[in-house]
N, C-alpha and C. Protein backbone atom coordinates (compact mmCIF):
# COMPACT_ATOMS: atom_id res chain seq x y z
N UNK A 1 -9.15 -65.76 22.69
CA UNK A 1 -9.29 -65.99 24.11
C UNK A 1 -8.19 -65.23 24.85
N UNK A 2 -8.58 -64.39 25.75
CA UNK A 2 -7.62 -63.59 26.50
C UNK A 2 -7.04 -64.43 27.64
N UNK A 3 -5.73 -64.33 27.78
CA UNK A 3 -5.05 -65.07 28.84
C UNK A 3 -5.33 -64.40 30.19
N UNK A 4 -5.72 -65.19 31.13
CA UNK A 4 -6.01 -64.68 32.47
C UNK A 4 -4.70 -64.42 33.22
N UNK A 5 -4.59 -63.27 33.80
CA UNK A 5 -3.40 -62.90 34.57
C UNK A 5 -3.66 -63.14 36.05
N UNK A 6 -2.67 -63.70 36.71
CA UNK A 6 -2.80 -63.95 38.15
C UNK A 6 -1.95 -62.95 38.91
N UNK A 7 -2.37 -62.69 40.10
CA UNK A 7 -1.68 -61.71 40.94
C UNK A 7 -0.25 -62.19 41.22
N UNK A 8 0.77 -61.35 40.95
CA UNK A 8 2.15 -61.73 41.26
C UNK A 8 2.28 -62.12 42.73
N UNK A 9 2.95 -63.24 42.94
CA UNK A 9 3.14 -63.73 44.29
C UNK A 9 2.10 -64.75 44.72
N UNK A 10 0.99 -64.86 43.97
CA UNK A 10 -0.02 -65.86 44.33
C UNK A 10 0.55 -67.24 44.05
N UNK A 11 -0.03 -68.24 44.67
CA UNK A 11 0.45 -69.61 44.49
C UNK A 11 0.40 -70.02 43.03
N UNK A 12 -0.67 -69.71 42.35
CA UNK A 12 -0.78 -70.06 40.94
C UNK A 12 0.28 -69.34 40.11
N UNK A 13 0.55 -68.08 40.41
CA UNK A 13 1.55 -67.30 39.69
C UNK A 13 2.92 -67.97 39.78
N UNK A 14 3.28 -68.51 40.93
CA UNK A 14 4.58 -69.17 41.12
C UNK A 14 4.75 -70.40 40.23
N UNK A 15 3.67 -71.15 40.02
CA UNK A 15 3.76 -72.45 39.35
C UNK A 15 3.18 -72.50 37.94
N UNK A 16 2.58 -71.43 37.47
CA UNK A 16 1.93 -71.46 36.17
C UNK A 16 2.95 -71.34 35.03
N UNK A 17 2.85 -72.27 34.09
CA UNK A 17 3.68 -72.24 32.87
C UNK A 17 3.27 -71.00 32.10
N UNK A 18 4.22 -70.15 31.75
CA UNK A 18 3.90 -68.87 31.14
C UNK A 18 3.35 -68.98 29.72
N UNK A 19 3.56 -70.10 29.04
CA UNK A 19 3.07 -70.24 27.68
C UNK A 19 1.78 -71.04 27.59
N UNK A 20 1.63 -72.04 28.44
CA UNK A 20 0.46 -72.92 28.34
C UNK A 20 -0.60 -72.63 29.39
N UNK A 21 -0.22 -71.98 30.48
CA UNK A 21 -1.16 -71.73 31.56
C UNK A 21 -1.32 -72.90 32.51
N UNK A 22 -0.69 -74.03 32.21
CA UNK A 22 -0.77 -75.21 33.08
C UNK A 22 0.16 -75.03 34.27
N UNK A 23 -0.13 -75.75 35.34
CA UNK A 23 0.75 -75.73 36.51
C UNK A 23 1.93 -76.65 36.22
N UNK A 24 3.14 -76.12 36.43
CA UNK A 24 4.35 -76.88 36.15
C UNK A 24 5.27 -76.81 37.35
N UNK A 25 5.45 -77.96 38.00
CA UNK A 25 6.37 -78.06 39.13
C UNK A 25 7.65 -78.74 38.67
N UNK A 26 7.52 -79.79 37.89
CA UNK A 26 8.67 -80.54 37.36
C UNK A 26 8.38 -80.88 35.91
N UNK A 27 9.46 -81.08 35.15
CA UNK A 27 9.32 -81.42 33.74
C UNK A 27 10.22 -82.60 33.41
N UNK A 28 9.81 -83.38 32.44
CA UNK A 28 10.65 -84.47 31.93
C UNK A 28 10.76 -84.27 30.43
N UNK A 29 11.83 -84.66 29.80
CA UNK A 29 12.97 -85.32 30.41
C UNK A 29 13.90 -84.31 31.07
N UNK A 30 14.53 -84.72 32.10
CA UNK A 30 15.52 -83.93 32.80
C UNK A 30 16.81 -84.73 32.83
N UNK A 31 17.44 -84.87 31.67
CA UNK A 31 18.59 -85.75 31.55
C UNK A 31 19.73 -85.43 32.51
N UNK A 32 20.03 -84.15 32.84
CA UNK A 32 21.10 -83.94 33.82
C UNK A 32 20.77 -84.56 35.18
N UNK A 33 19.50 -84.49 35.59
CA UNK A 33 19.12 -85.06 36.88
C UNK A 33 19.20 -86.58 36.87
N UNK A 34 18.90 -87.19 35.73
CA UNK A 34 19.02 -88.65 35.62
C UNK A 34 20.49 -89.06 35.76
N UNK A 35 21.39 -88.33 35.09
CA UNK A 35 22.82 -88.66 35.19
C UNK A 35 23.34 -88.39 36.59
N UNK A 36 22.88 -87.32 37.23
CA UNK A 36 23.27 -87.04 38.62
C UNK A 36 22.86 -88.20 39.52
N UNK A 37 21.67 -88.73 39.33
CA UNK A 37 21.20 -89.86 40.14
C UNK A 37 22.06 -91.10 39.89
N UNK A 38 22.40 -91.36 38.63
CA UNK A 38 23.26 -92.50 38.31
C UNK A 38 24.63 -92.33 38.96
N UNK A 39 25.19 -91.13 38.88
CA UNK A 39 26.50 -90.88 39.51
C UNK A 39 26.42 -91.03 41.02
N UNK A 40 25.32 -90.62 41.62
CA UNK A 40 25.16 -90.76 43.06
C UNK A 40 25.21 -92.23 43.46
N UNK A 41 24.48 -93.06 42.71
CA UNK A 41 24.49 -94.50 42.99
C UNK A 41 25.89 -95.06 42.77
N UNK A 42 26.53 -94.69 41.68
CA UNK A 42 27.88 -95.16 41.37
C UNK A 42 28.86 -94.82 42.48
N UNK A 43 28.75 -93.60 43.01
CA UNK A 43 29.69 -93.17 44.05
C UNK A 43 29.54 -93.98 45.34
N UNK A 44 28.42 -94.61 45.56
CA UNK A 44 28.25 -95.47 46.74
C UNK A 44 29.20 -96.67 46.66
N UNK A 45 29.63 -97.04 45.46
CA UNK A 45 30.50 -98.21 45.26
C UNK A 45 31.96 -97.85 45.03
N UNK A 46 32.27 -96.57 44.96
CA UNK A 46 33.64 -96.13 44.72
C UNK A 46 34.34 -95.83 46.04
N UNK A 47 35.65 -95.96 46.03
CA UNK A 47 36.45 -95.62 47.21
C UNK A 47 36.49 -94.09 47.32
N UNK A 48 36.09 -93.58 48.49
CA UNK A 48 36.06 -92.14 48.70
C UNK A 48 37.45 -91.54 48.46
N UNK A 49 37.48 -90.47 47.67
CA UNK A 49 38.74 -89.79 47.39
C UNK A 49 39.53 -90.38 46.24
N UNK A 50 39.11 -91.51 45.70
CA UNK A 50 39.82 -92.12 44.57
C UNK A 50 39.60 -91.25 43.32
N UNK A 51 40.41 -91.49 42.30
CA UNK A 51 40.28 -90.72 41.06
C UNK A 51 38.88 -90.86 40.44
N UNK A 52 38.32 -92.08 40.35
CA UNK A 52 36.96 -92.19 39.80
C UNK A 52 35.93 -91.44 40.66
N UNK A 53 36.09 -91.48 41.97
CA UNK A 53 35.18 -90.77 42.86
C UNK A 53 35.28 -89.27 42.65
N UNK A 54 36.50 -88.77 42.51
CA UNK A 54 36.69 -87.34 42.29
C UNK A 54 36.11 -86.91 40.94
N UNK A 55 36.30 -87.73 39.91
CA UNK A 55 35.74 -87.43 38.60
C UNK A 55 34.22 -87.40 38.67
N UNK A 56 33.63 -88.37 39.34
CA UNK A 56 32.17 -88.40 39.48
C UNK A 56 31.68 -87.17 40.25
N UNK A 57 32.44 -86.74 41.22
CA UNK A 57 32.08 -85.56 42.00
C UNK A 57 32.10 -84.30 41.13
N UNK A 58 33.14 -84.15 40.34
CA UNK A 58 33.25 -82.99 39.45
C UNK A 58 32.13 -83.00 38.41
N UNK A 59 31.86 -84.18 37.84
CA UNK A 59 30.78 -84.30 36.86
C UNK A 59 29.43 -83.95 37.49
N UNK A 60 29.22 -84.42 38.70
CA UNK A 60 27.96 -84.13 39.39
C UNK A 60 27.79 -82.63 39.60
N UNK A 61 28.84 -81.97 40.08
CA UNK A 61 28.78 -80.52 40.29
C UNK A 61 28.51 -79.79 38.98
N UNK A 62 29.22 -80.19 37.93
CA UNK A 62 29.01 -79.57 36.63
C UNK A 62 27.59 -79.75 36.11
N UNK A 63 27.05 -80.94 36.29
CA UNK A 63 25.68 -81.21 35.85
C UNK A 63 24.66 -80.43 36.66
N UNK A 64 24.89 -80.31 37.98
CA UNK A 64 23.99 -79.48 38.80
C UNK A 64 24.01 -78.04 38.30
N UNK A 65 25.20 -77.52 38.02
CA UNK A 65 25.30 -76.13 37.55
C UNK A 65 24.66 -75.96 36.18
N UNK A 66 24.84 -76.94 35.30
CA UNK A 66 24.22 -76.89 33.97
C UNK A 66 22.69 -76.89 34.10
N UNK A 67 22.18 -77.82 34.89
CA UNK A 67 20.74 -77.91 35.07
C UNK A 67 20.19 -76.62 35.68
N UNK A 68 20.84 -76.14 36.74
CA UNK A 68 20.36 -74.96 37.44
C UNK A 68 20.44 -73.71 36.56
N UNK A 69 21.51 -73.58 35.80
CA UNK A 69 21.63 -72.44 34.89
C UNK A 69 20.54 -72.45 33.84
N UNK A 70 20.23 -73.63 33.32
CA UNK A 70 19.16 -73.75 32.35
C UNK A 70 17.82 -73.35 32.97
N UNK A 71 17.57 -73.80 34.19
CA UNK A 71 16.33 -73.43 34.88
C UNK A 71 16.27 -71.93 35.15
N UNK A 72 17.39 -71.36 35.56
CA UNK A 72 17.43 -69.93 35.86
C UNK A 72 17.13 -69.11 34.62
N UNK A 73 17.67 -69.52 33.48
CA UNK A 73 17.51 -68.76 32.24
C UNK A 73 16.20 -69.09 31.52
N UNK A 74 15.87 -70.39 31.42
CA UNK A 74 14.73 -70.79 30.61
C UNK A 74 13.57 -71.36 31.40
N UNK A 75 13.60 -71.24 32.70
CA UNK A 75 12.52 -71.77 33.52
C UNK A 75 11.17 -71.21 33.10
N UNK A 76 10.14 -72.04 33.11
CA UNK A 76 8.84 -71.64 32.57
C UNK A 76 7.97 -70.88 33.57
N UNK A 77 8.44 -70.77 34.81
CA UNK A 77 7.70 -70.02 35.81
C UNK A 77 8.66 -69.57 36.91
N UNK A 78 8.23 -68.67 37.78
CA UNK A 78 9.11 -68.19 38.84
C UNK A 78 9.64 -69.30 39.76
N UNK A 79 8.84 -70.33 40.03
CA UNK A 79 9.30 -71.43 40.87
C UNK A 79 10.53 -72.09 40.27
N UNK A 80 10.48 -72.41 38.98
CA UNK A 80 11.60 -73.10 38.32
C UNK A 80 12.84 -72.20 38.31
N UNK A 81 12.67 -70.91 38.09
CA UNK A 81 13.81 -69.99 38.08
C UNK A 81 14.41 -69.84 39.48
N UNK A 82 13.55 -69.75 40.48
CA UNK A 82 14.04 -69.67 41.86
C UNK A 82 14.79 -70.94 42.23
N UNK A 83 14.25 -72.08 41.83
CA UNK A 83 14.91 -73.36 42.10
C UNK A 83 16.30 -73.39 41.46
N UNK A 84 16.42 -72.91 40.23
CA UNK A 84 17.72 -72.83 39.57
C UNK A 84 18.69 -71.95 40.34
N UNK A 85 18.23 -70.79 40.80
CA UNK A 85 19.09 -69.87 41.55
C UNK A 85 19.54 -70.50 42.87
N UNK A 86 18.64 -71.19 43.55
CA UNK A 86 19.00 -71.82 44.83
C UNK A 86 20.04 -72.92 44.61
N UNK A 87 19.87 -73.73 43.58
CA UNK A 87 20.82 -74.82 43.31
C UNK A 87 22.18 -74.24 42.92
N UNK A 88 22.22 -73.16 42.15
CA UNK A 88 23.50 -72.52 41.84
C UNK A 88 24.17 -72.04 43.12
N UNK A 89 23.41 -71.40 43.99
CA UNK A 89 23.97 -70.94 45.27
C UNK A 89 24.50 -72.09 46.10
N UNK A 90 23.74 -73.20 46.14
CA UNK A 90 24.16 -74.39 46.89
C UNK A 90 25.46 -74.94 46.33
N UNK A 91 25.57 -75.05 45.03
CA UNK A 91 26.78 -75.59 44.42
C UNK A 91 27.97 -74.68 44.61
N UNK A 92 27.79 -73.37 44.48
CA UNK A 92 28.89 -72.43 44.69
C UNK A 92 29.34 -72.46 46.15
N UNK A 93 28.40 -72.56 47.07
CA UNK A 93 28.75 -72.69 48.49
C UNK A 93 29.58 -73.95 48.71
N UNK A 94 29.16 -75.06 48.11
CA UNK A 94 29.87 -76.33 48.27
C UNK A 94 31.27 -76.26 47.67
N UNK A 95 31.41 -75.56 46.56
CA UNK A 95 32.72 -75.43 45.92
C UNK A 95 33.69 -74.62 46.77
N UNK A 96 33.21 -73.54 47.34
CA UNK A 96 34.10 -72.61 48.03
C UNK A 96 34.22 -72.82 49.54
N UNK A 97 33.59 -73.88 50.06
CA UNK A 97 33.76 -74.15 51.50
C UNK A 97 34.47 -75.47 51.71
């Protein structure tokens, strides 16, 4: 069975898993995102600027960069890779401003 090719830039092209042909917007498990969510909730109960809050902030940034780098390198479609690049840009902007 020959794999059907879609026009680059088409909506299907952006979201199609390159190996299975299925549409892929999100994937599970996404353990870094789960930990980021837990840290976000935890930070609501921490004193802003405290050592635990700062540690949670650094861990969150590191996990965002880990997740985004993985998506940029191993993303299964252009959407996932673009999402990784945007999150890396967002985190670098946040670090340097």
